[in-house]
């Protein structure tokens, strides 16, 4: 199990980073990205805390805990600078809150995230366009299928476009509460419900996480 999009009480989740990592470890997770919501005002505080907790957890338990961020509701013109600053402050994983259909994300966020050169995952990208999916494929930006209620409404659309453009897919939980963590069965069912074949599901759940880890600089 791999999950690259979760939240703690450093933003709007209910658990501390250490407890979330511990629960993921007990679920059999091999890697978990802690990606709390950030903007320029809380960037340094969140990353500093996550770097410390992820380092401790990874050194004590057999799980890779990755300090990251989800840049959320930042104007598209500022996304690149915020992403680069997050990386400089120690974030190893950079997600951007995409144009989900259930929140008022500014139009142009998807494309700005893909084009800025510092983003790893475009989270719940909503009605992502073919042009955006093609550019994500070229840039190595992963498109996310989401297990979260509301955000998951466009999973079928995202999966179809990613398949037709060879964009890389990941399935993430967007965990905010302990019960949000996925199991192998729930991950498979969500992927199947998005219209993916068993072969495509295997690639998304087993192969693409290793591709991302390599991209992030972690040994396979």
C-alpha atoms as a PDB file:
ATOM      1  CA  UNK A   1       0.000   0.000   0.000  1.00  0.00           C
ATOM      2  CA  UNK A   2       1.186   3.493  -0.914  1.00  0.00           C
ATOM      3  CA  UNK A   3      -0.531   6.805  -0.296  1.00  0.00           C
ATOM      4  CA  UNK A   4       0.817  10.199  -1.308  1.00  0.00           C
ATOM      5  CA  UNK A   5      -1.998  12.491  -0.163  1.00  0.00           C
ATOM      6  CA  UNK A   6      -2.998  12.697   3.514  1.00  0.00           C
ATOM      7  CA  UNK A   7      -3.683  15.378   6.111  1.00  0.00           C
ATOM      8  CA  UNK A   8      -3.038  15.875   9.827  1.00  0.00           C
ATOM      9  CA  UNK A   9      -4.113  18.422  12.412  1.00  0.00           C
ATOM     10  CA  UNK A  10      -1.425  20.710  11.033  1.00  0.00           C
ATOM     11  CA  UNK A  11      -4.146  21.640   8.536  1.00  0.00           C
ATOM     12  CA  UNK A  12      -7.621  20.072   8.581  1.00  0.00           C
ATOM     13  CA  UNK A  13      -7.040  16.445   9.602  1.00  0.00           C
ATOM     14  CA  UNK A  14      -7.759  14.962  13.019  1.00  0.00           C
ATOM     15  CA  UNK A  15      -4.523  13.114  13.855  1.00  0.00           C
ATOM     16  CA  UNK A  16      -0.985  14.206  14.597  1.00  0.00           C
ATOM     17  CA  UNK A  17       1.569  13.328  11.913  1.00  0.00           C
ATOM     18  CA  UNK A  18       3.125  10.629  14.104  1.00  0.00           C
ATOM     19  CA  UNK A  19      -0.211   8.960  14.839  1.00  0.00           C
ATOM     20  CA  UNK A  20      -1.261   9.006  11.185  1.00  0.00           C
ATOM     21  CA  UNK A  21       2.040   7.430  10.170  1.00  0.00           C
ATOM     22  CA  UNK A  22       1.695   4.813  12.891  1.00  0.00           C
ATOM     23  CA  UNK A  23      -1.811   3.916  11.763  1.00  0.00           C
ATOM     24  CA  UNK A  24      -0.640   3.662   8.155  1.00  0.00           C
ATOM     25  CA  UNK A  25       2.177   1.378   9.260  1.00  0.00           C
ATOM     26  CA  UNK A  26      -0.305  -0.868  11.071  1.00  0.00           C
ATOM     27  CA  UNK A  27      -2.398  -0.957   7.874  1.00  0.00           C
ATOM     28  CA  UNK A  28       0.604  -2.407   6.053  1.00  0.00           C
ATOM     29  CA  UNK A  29       1.545   0.752   4.176  1.00  0.00           C
ATOM     30  CA  UNK A  30       5.041   0.854   2.690  1.00  0.00           C
ATOM     31  CA  UNK A  31       5.073   4.619   2.159  1.00  0.00           C
ATOM     32  CA  UNK A  32       2.879   7.536   3.125  1.00  0.00           C
ATOM     33  CA  UNK A  33       3.089  11.167   2.099  1.00  0.00           C
ATOM     34  CA  UNK A  34       1.906  13.676   4.672  1.00  0.00           C
ATOM     35  CA  UNK A  35       0.718  16.605   2.567  1.00  0.00           C
ATOM     36  CA  UNK A  36      -1.053  19.179   4.684  1.00  0.00           C
ATOM     37  CA  UNK A  37      -2.750  22.151   3.067  1.00  0.00           C
ATOM     38  CA  UNK A  38      -0.408  25.103   2.688  1.00  0.00           C
ATOM     39  CA  UNK A  39      -0.248  28.628   1.393  1.00  0.00           C
ATOM     40  CA  UNK A  40       2.495  31.245   1.821  1.00  0.00           C
ATOM     41  CA  UNK A  41       1.446  32.058   5.380  1.00  0.00           C
ATOM     42  CA  UNK A  42       1.830  28.590   6.923  1.00  0.00           C
ATOM     43  CA  UNK A  43       4.368  27.024   4.575  1.00  0.00           C
ATOM     44  CA  UNK A  44       7.411  27.153   6.827  1.00  0.00           C
ATOM     45  CA  UNK A  45       5.579  26.055   9.989  1.00  0.00           C
ATOM     46  CA  UNK A  46       3.962  22.992   8.383  1.00  0.00           C
ATOM     47  CA  UNK A  47       7.068  21.761   6.563  1.00  0.00           C
ATOM     48  CA  UNK A  48       9.329  22.193   9.594  1.00  0.00           C
ATOM     49  CA  UNK A  49       7.006  20.062  11.732  1.00  0.00           C
ATOM     50  CA  UNK A  50       6.508  17.371   9.099  1.00  0.00           C
ATOM     51  CA  UNK A  51      10.211  17.004   8.353  1.00  0.00           C
ATOM     52  CA  UNK A  52      10.899  16.248  12.020  1.00  0.00           C
ATOM     53  CA  UNK A  53       8.031  13.806  12.512  1.00  0.00           C
ATOM     54  CA  UNK A  54       8.573  11.960   9.236  1.00  0.00           C
ATOM     55  CA  UNK A  55      12.267  11.541   9.982  1.00  0.00           C
ATOM     56  CA  UNK A  56      11.547  10.069  13.409  1.00  0.00           C
ATOM     57  CA  UNK A  57       8.832   7.701  12.166  1.00  0.00           C
ATOM     58  CA  UNK A  58      10.896   6.448   9.222  1.00  0.00           C
ATOM     59  CA  UNK A  59      13.858   5.730  11.486  1.00  0.00           C
ATOM     60  CA  UNK A  60      11.807   3.680  13.971  1.00  0.00           C
ATOM     61  CA  UNK A  61       9.216   1.831  11.886  1.00  0.00           C
ATOM     62  CA  UNK A  62       9.365  -0.021   8.592  1.00  0.00           C
ATOM     63  CA  UNK A  63       7.554   2.677   6.638  1.00  0.00           C
ATOM     64  CA  UNK A  64       8.755   5.554   4.495  1.00  0.00           C
ATOM     65  CA  UNK A  65       7.123   8.738   5.767  1.00  0.00           C
ATOM     66  CA  UNK A  66       7.474  11.584   3.276  1.00  0.00           C
ATOM     67  CA  UNK A  67       7.102  15.233   4.320  1.00  0.00           C
ATOM     68  CA  UNK A  68       5.064  17.074   1.732  1.00  0.00           C
ATOM     69  CA  UNK A  69       2.461  19.730   1.059  1.00  0.00           C
ATOM     70  CA  UNK A  70      -0.767  20.237  -0.807  1.00  0.00           C
ATOM     71  CA  UNK A  71      -0.726  23.784  -2.165  1.00  0.00           C
ATOM     72  CA  UNK A  72      -4.355  24.815  -1.879  1.00  0.00           C
ATOM     73  CA  UNK A  73      -6.316  27.726  -3.364  1.00  0.00           C
ATOM     74  CA  UNK A  74      -3.142  29.644  -4.208  1.00  0.00           C
ATOM     75  CA  UNK A  75      -3.621  31.827  -7.322  1.00  0.00           C
ATOM     76  CA  UNK A  76      -2.256  30.059 -10.420  1.00  0.00           C
ATOM     77  CA  UNK A  77       0.276  32.826 -11.074  1.00  0.00           C
ATOM     78  CA  UNK A  78       1.864  32.183  -7.654  1.00  0.00           C
ATOM     79  CA  UNK A  79       1.880  28.385  -7.695  1.00  0.00           C
ATOM     80  CA  UNK A  80       5.375  28.016  -9.107  1.00  0.00           C
ATOM     81  CA  UNK A  81       6.991  30.242  -6.507  1.00  0.00           C
ATOM     82  CA  UNK A  82       5.158  28.582  -3.619  1.00  0.00           C
ATOM     83  CA  UNK A  83       6.096  25.126  -4.898  1.00  0.00           C
ATOM     84  CA  UNK A  84       9.767  26.046  -5.280  1.00  0.00           C
ATOM     85  CA  UNK A  85       9.818  27.600  -1.820  1.00  0.00           C
ATOM     86  CA  UNK A  86       8.237  24.493  -0.323  1.00  0.00           C
ATOM     87  CA  UNK A  87      10.962  22.359  -1.884  1.00  0.00           C
ATOM     88  CA  UNK A  88      13.660  24.660  -0.542  1.00  0.00           C
ATOM     89  CA  UNK A  89      12.171  24.429   2.954  1.00  0.00           C
ATOM     90  CA  UNK A  90      12.401  20.635   2.919  1.00  0.00           C
ATOM     91  CA  UNK A  91       9.185  19.304   1.378  1.00  0.00           C
ATOM     92  CA  UNK A  92      10.008  16.177  -0.602  1.00  0.00           C
ATOM     93  CA  UNK A  93       6.542  15.789  -2.159  1.00  0.00           C
ATOM     94  CA  UNK A  94       4.626  18.643  -3.784  1.00  0.00           C
ATOM     95  CA  UNK A  95       0.910  18.224  -4.487  1.00  0.00           C
ATOM     96  CA  UNK A  96      -1.438  20.871  -5.820  1.00  0.00           C
ATOM     97  CA  UNK A  97      -5.139  20.971  -4.998  1.00  0.00           C
ATOM     98  CA  UNK A  98      -6.629  20.603  -8.463  1.00  0.00           C
ATOM     99  CA  UNK A  99      -9.829  21.940  -9.954  1.00  0.00           C
ATOM    100  CA  UNK A 100     -12.216  19.555  -8.209  1.00  0.00           C
ATOM    101  CA  UNK A 101     -15.847  20.197  -9.139  1.00  0.00           C
ATOM    102  CA  UNK A 102     -16.961  20.533  -5.500  1.00  0.00           C
ATOM    103  CA  UNK A 103     -14.767  23.469  -4.452  1.00  0.00           C
ATOM    104  CA  UNK A 104     -14.176  26.951  -5.931  1.00  0.00           C
ATOM    105  CA  UNK A 105     -10.647  26.343  -7.186  1.00  0.00           C
ATOM    106  CA  UNK A 106      -9.553  29.083  -9.571  1.00  0.00           C
ATOM    107  CA  UNK A 107      -9.618  28.154 -13.233  1.00  0.00           C
ATOM    108  CA  UNK A 108      -6.096  27.707 -14.560  1.00  0.00           C
ATOM    109  CA  UNK A 109      -4.817  25.970 -11.431  1.00  0.00           C
ATOM    110  CA  UNK A 110      -4.476  22.590 -13.150  1.00  0.00           C
ATOM    111  CA  UNK A 111      -2.438  23.963 -16.026  1.00  0.00           C
ATOM    112  CA  UNK A 112      -0.252  26.156 -13.800  1.00  0.00           C
ATOM    113  CA  UNK A 113       0.559  23.171 -11.573  1.00  0.00           C
ATOM    114  CA  UNK A 114       1.513  21.021 -14.547  1.00  0.00           C
ATOM    115  CA  UNK A 115       3.629  23.684 -16.227  1.00  0.00           C
ATOM    116  CA  UNK A 116       5.530  25.131 -13.257  1.00  0.00           C
ATOM    117  CA  UNK A 117       8.108  22.327 -13.126  1.00  0.00           C
ATOM    118  CA  UNK A 118       8.024  21.811  -9.352  1.00  0.00           C
ATOM    119  CA  UNK A 119       4.862  19.756  -8.787  1.00  0.00           C
ATOM    120  CA  UNK A 120       4.703  15.981  -8.430  1.00  0.00           C
ATOM    121  CA  UNK A 121       0.959  15.277  -8.166  1.00  0.00           C
ATOM    122  CA  UNK A 122      -2.084  17.155  -9.413  1.00  0.00           C
ATOM    123  CA  UNK A 123      -4.626  16.082  -6.819  1.00  0.00           C
ATOM    124  CA  UNK A 124      -8.280  15.477  -7.774  1.00  0.00           C
ATOM    125  CA  UNK A 125      -8.030  17.488 -11.000  1.00  0.00           C
ATOM    126  CA  UNK A 126     -11.766  17.405 -11.697  1.00  0.00           C
ATOM    127  CA  UNK A 127     -12.744  17.810 -15.348  1.00  0.00           C
ATOM    128  CA  UNK A 128      -9.140  17.913 -16.473  1.00  0.00           C
ATOM    129  CA  UNK A 129      -8.805  18.654 -20.176  1.00  0.00           C
ATOM    130  CA  UNK A 130      -7.087  16.525 -22.794  1.00  0.00           C
ATOM    131  CA  UNK A 131      -4.478  19.264 -23.249  1.00  0.00           C
ATOM    132  CA  UNK A 132      -3.742  19.256 -19.514  1.00  0.00           C
ATOM    133  CA  UNK A 133      -3.501  15.461 -19.408  1.00  0.00           C
ATOM    134  CA  UNK A 134      -1.127  15.463 -22.378  1.00  0.00           C
ATOM    135  CA  UNK A 135       1.076  18.072 -20.742  1.00  0.00           C
ATOM    136  CA  UNK A 136       1.025  16.148 -17.463  1.00  0.00           C
ATOM    137  CA  UNK A 137       2.204  13.054 -19.327  1.00  0.00           C
ATOM    138  CA  UNK A 138       5.069  15.016 -20.914  1.00  0.00           C
ATOM    139  CA  UNK A 139       6.038  16.724 -17.650  1.00  0.00           C
ATOM    140  CA  UNK A 140       5.886  13.605 -15.481  1.00  0.00           C
ATOM    141  CA  UNK A 141       3.178  15.074 -13.256  1.00  0.00           C
ATOM    142  CA  UNK A 142       0.965  12.365 -11.802  1.00  0.00           C
ATOM    143  CA  UNK A 143      -2.816  12.710 -12.028  1.00  0.00           C
ATOM    144  CA  UNK A 144      -4.749  11.527  -9.011  1.00  0.00           C
ATOM    145  CA  UNK A 145      -7.805   9.361  -8.598  1.00  0.00           C
ATOM    146  CA  UNK A 146      -9.298  10.268  -5.243  1.00  0.00           C
ATOM    147  CA  UNK A 147     -11.004   8.152  -2.620  1.00  0.00           C
ATOM    148  CA  UNK A 148     -12.487  11.248  -0.998  1.00  0.00           C
ATOM    149  CA  UNK A 149     -16.216  11.889  -1.252  1.00  0.00           C
ATOM    150  CA  UNK A 150     -16.969  14.625  -3.767  1.00  0.00           C
ATOM    151  CA  UNK A 151     -13.491  14.660  -5.226  1.00  0.00           C
ATOM    152  CA  UNK A 152     -14.070  11.114  -6.473  1.00  0.00           C
ATOM    153  CA  UNK A 153     -17.006  12.161  -8.672  1.00  0.00           C
ATOM    154  CA  UNK A 154     -14.717  12.743 -11.661  1.00  0.00           C
ATOM    155  CA  UNK A 155     -12.495   9.676 -11.205  1.00  0.00           C
ATOM    156  CA  UNK A 156     -13.923   8.030 -14.313  1.00  0.00           C
ATOM    157  CA  UNK A 157     -13.209  11.094 -16.432  1.00  0.00           C
ATOM    158  CA  UNK A 158      -9.654  11.425 -15.084  1.00  0.00           C
ATOM    159  CA  UNK A 159      -8.944   7.725 -15.602  1.00  0.00           C
ATOM    160  CA  UNK A 160     -10.242   7.794 -19.175  1.00  0.00           C
ATOM    161  CA  UNK A 161      -8.183  10.832 -20.158  1.00  0.00           C
ATOM    162  CA  UNK A 162      -5.054   9.565 -18.435  1.00  0.00           C
ATOM    163  CA  UNK A 163      -5.377   6.269 -20.255  1.00  0.00           C
ATOM    164  CA  UNK A 164      -5.791   7.941 -23.651  1.00  0.00           C
ATOM    165  CA  UNK A 165      -2.860  10.341 -23.140  1.00  0.00           C
ATOM    166  CA  UNK A 166      -0.467   8.023 -21.249  1.00  0.00           C
ATOM    167  CA  UNK A 167      -0.531  10.290 -18.202  1.00  0.00           C
ATOM    168  CA  UNK A 168       0.588   8.605 -15.007  1.00  0.00           C
ATOM    169  CA  UNK A 169      -2.140   7.781 -12.479  1.00  0.00           C
ATOM    170  CA  UNK A 170      -2.077   7.363  -8.710  1.00  0.00           C
ATOM    171  CA  UNK A 171      -4.859   6.501  -6.300  1.00  0.00           C
ATOM    172  CA  UNK A 172      -4.701   8.380  -2.990  1.00  0.00           C
ATOM    173  CA  UNK A 173      -6.956   8.461   0.048  1.00  0.00           C
ATOM    174  CA  UNK A 174      -6.925  12.204   0.846  1.00  0.00           C
ATOM    175  CA  UNK A 175      -7.130  11.000   4.440  1.00  0.00           C
ATOM    176  CA  UNK A 176      -8.429  13.404   7.074  1.00  0.00           C
ATOM    177  CA  UNK A 177      -9.782  10.855   9.588  1.00  0.00           C
ATOM    178  CA  UNK A 178      -8.386   7.465  10.694  1.00  0.00           C
ATOM    179  CA  UNK A 179     -11.067   5.502   8.840  1.00  0.00           C
ATOM    180  CA  UNK A 180     -10.127   7.199   5.551  1.00  0.00           C
ATOM    181  CA  UNK A 181      -7.006   5.066   5.139  1.00  0.00           C
ATOM    182  CA  UNK A 182      -7.409   2.591   2.304  1.00  0.00           C
ATOM    183  CA  UNK A 183      -7.145  -1.180   2.295  1.00  0.00           C
ATOM    184  CA  UNK A 184      -6.102  -3.256  -0.722  1.00  0.00           C
ATOM    185  CA  UNK A 185      -9.742  -4.193  -1.279  1.00  0.00           C
ATOM    186  CA  UNK A 186     -11.067  -0.643  -1.120  1.00  0.00           C
ATOM    187  CA  UNK A 187      -8.286   0.640  -3.375  1.00  0.00           C
ATOM    188  CA  UNK A 188      -9.066  -2.027  -5.970  1.00  0.00           C
ATOM    189  CA  UNK A 189     -12.792  -1.323  -5.871  1.00  0.00           C
ATOM    190  CA  UNK A 190     -12.324   2.432  -6.322  1.00  0.00           C
ATOM    191  CA  UNK A 191     -10.005   1.850  -9.257  1.00  0.00           C
ATOM    192  CA  UNK A 192     -12.383  -0.676 -10.810  1.00  0.00           C
ATOM    193  CA  UNK A 193     -15.255   1.761 -10.376  1.00  0.00           C
ATOM    194  CA  UNK A 194     -13.271   4.361 -12.320  1.00  0.00           C
ATOM    195  CA  UNK A 195     -13.297   2.003 -15.305  1.00  0.00           C
ATOM    196  CA  UNK A 196      -9.735   0.688 -15.180  1.00  0.00           C
ATOM    197  CA  UNK A 197      -8.812  -2.827 -16.204  1.00  0.00           C
ATOM    198  CA  UNK A 198      -6.988  -5.167 -13.841  1.00  0.00           C
ATOM    199  CA  UNK A 199      -3.749  -4.533 -15.723  1.00  0.00           C
ATOM    200  CA  UNK A 200      -4.202  -0.769 -15.446  1.00  0.00           C
ATOM    201  CA  UNK A 201      -5.038  -1.105 -11.763  1.00  0.00           C
ATOM    202  CA  UNK A 202      -1.850  -3.079 -11.169  1.00  0.00           C
ATOM    203  CA  UNK A 203       0.173  -0.361 -12.892  1.00  0.00           C
ATOM    204  CA  UNK A 204      -1.483   2.411 -10.889  1.00  0.00           C
ATOM    205  CA  UNK A 205      -1.293   0.712  -7.489  1.00  0.00           C
ATOM    206  CA  UNK A 206       1.996  -1.185  -7.737  1.00  0.00           C
ATOM    207  CA  UNK A 207       4.220   0.264 -10.454  1.00  0.00           C
ATOM    208  CA  UNK A 208       3.480   3.991 -10.488  1.00  0.00           C
ATOM    209  CA  UNK A 209       4.213   4.464  -6.765  1.00  0.00           C
ATOM    210  CA  UNK A 210       7.745   3.211  -7.394  1.00  0.00           C
ATOM    211  CA  UNK A 211       8.052   5.580 -10.346  1.00  0.00           C
ATOM    212  CA  UNK A 212       7.087   8.470  -8.082  1.00  0.00           C
ATOM    213  CA  UNK A 213       9.445   7.386  -5.310  1.00  0.00           C
ATOM    214  CA  UNK A 214      12.291   7.259  -7.810  1.00  0.00           C
ATOM    215  CA  UNK A 215      11.306  10.718  -9.078  1.00  0.00           C
ATOM    216  CA  UNK A 216      11.412  11.991  -5.502  1.00  0.00           C
ATOM    217  CA  UNK A 217      14.907  10.655  -5.013  1.00  0.00           C
ATOM    218  CA  UNK A 218      14.128   7.666  -2.816  1.00  0.00           C
ATOM    219  CA  UNK A 219      15.865   4.368  -3.460  1.00  0.00           C
ATOM    220  CA  UNK A 220      13.586   1.715  -4.924  1.00  0.00           C
END
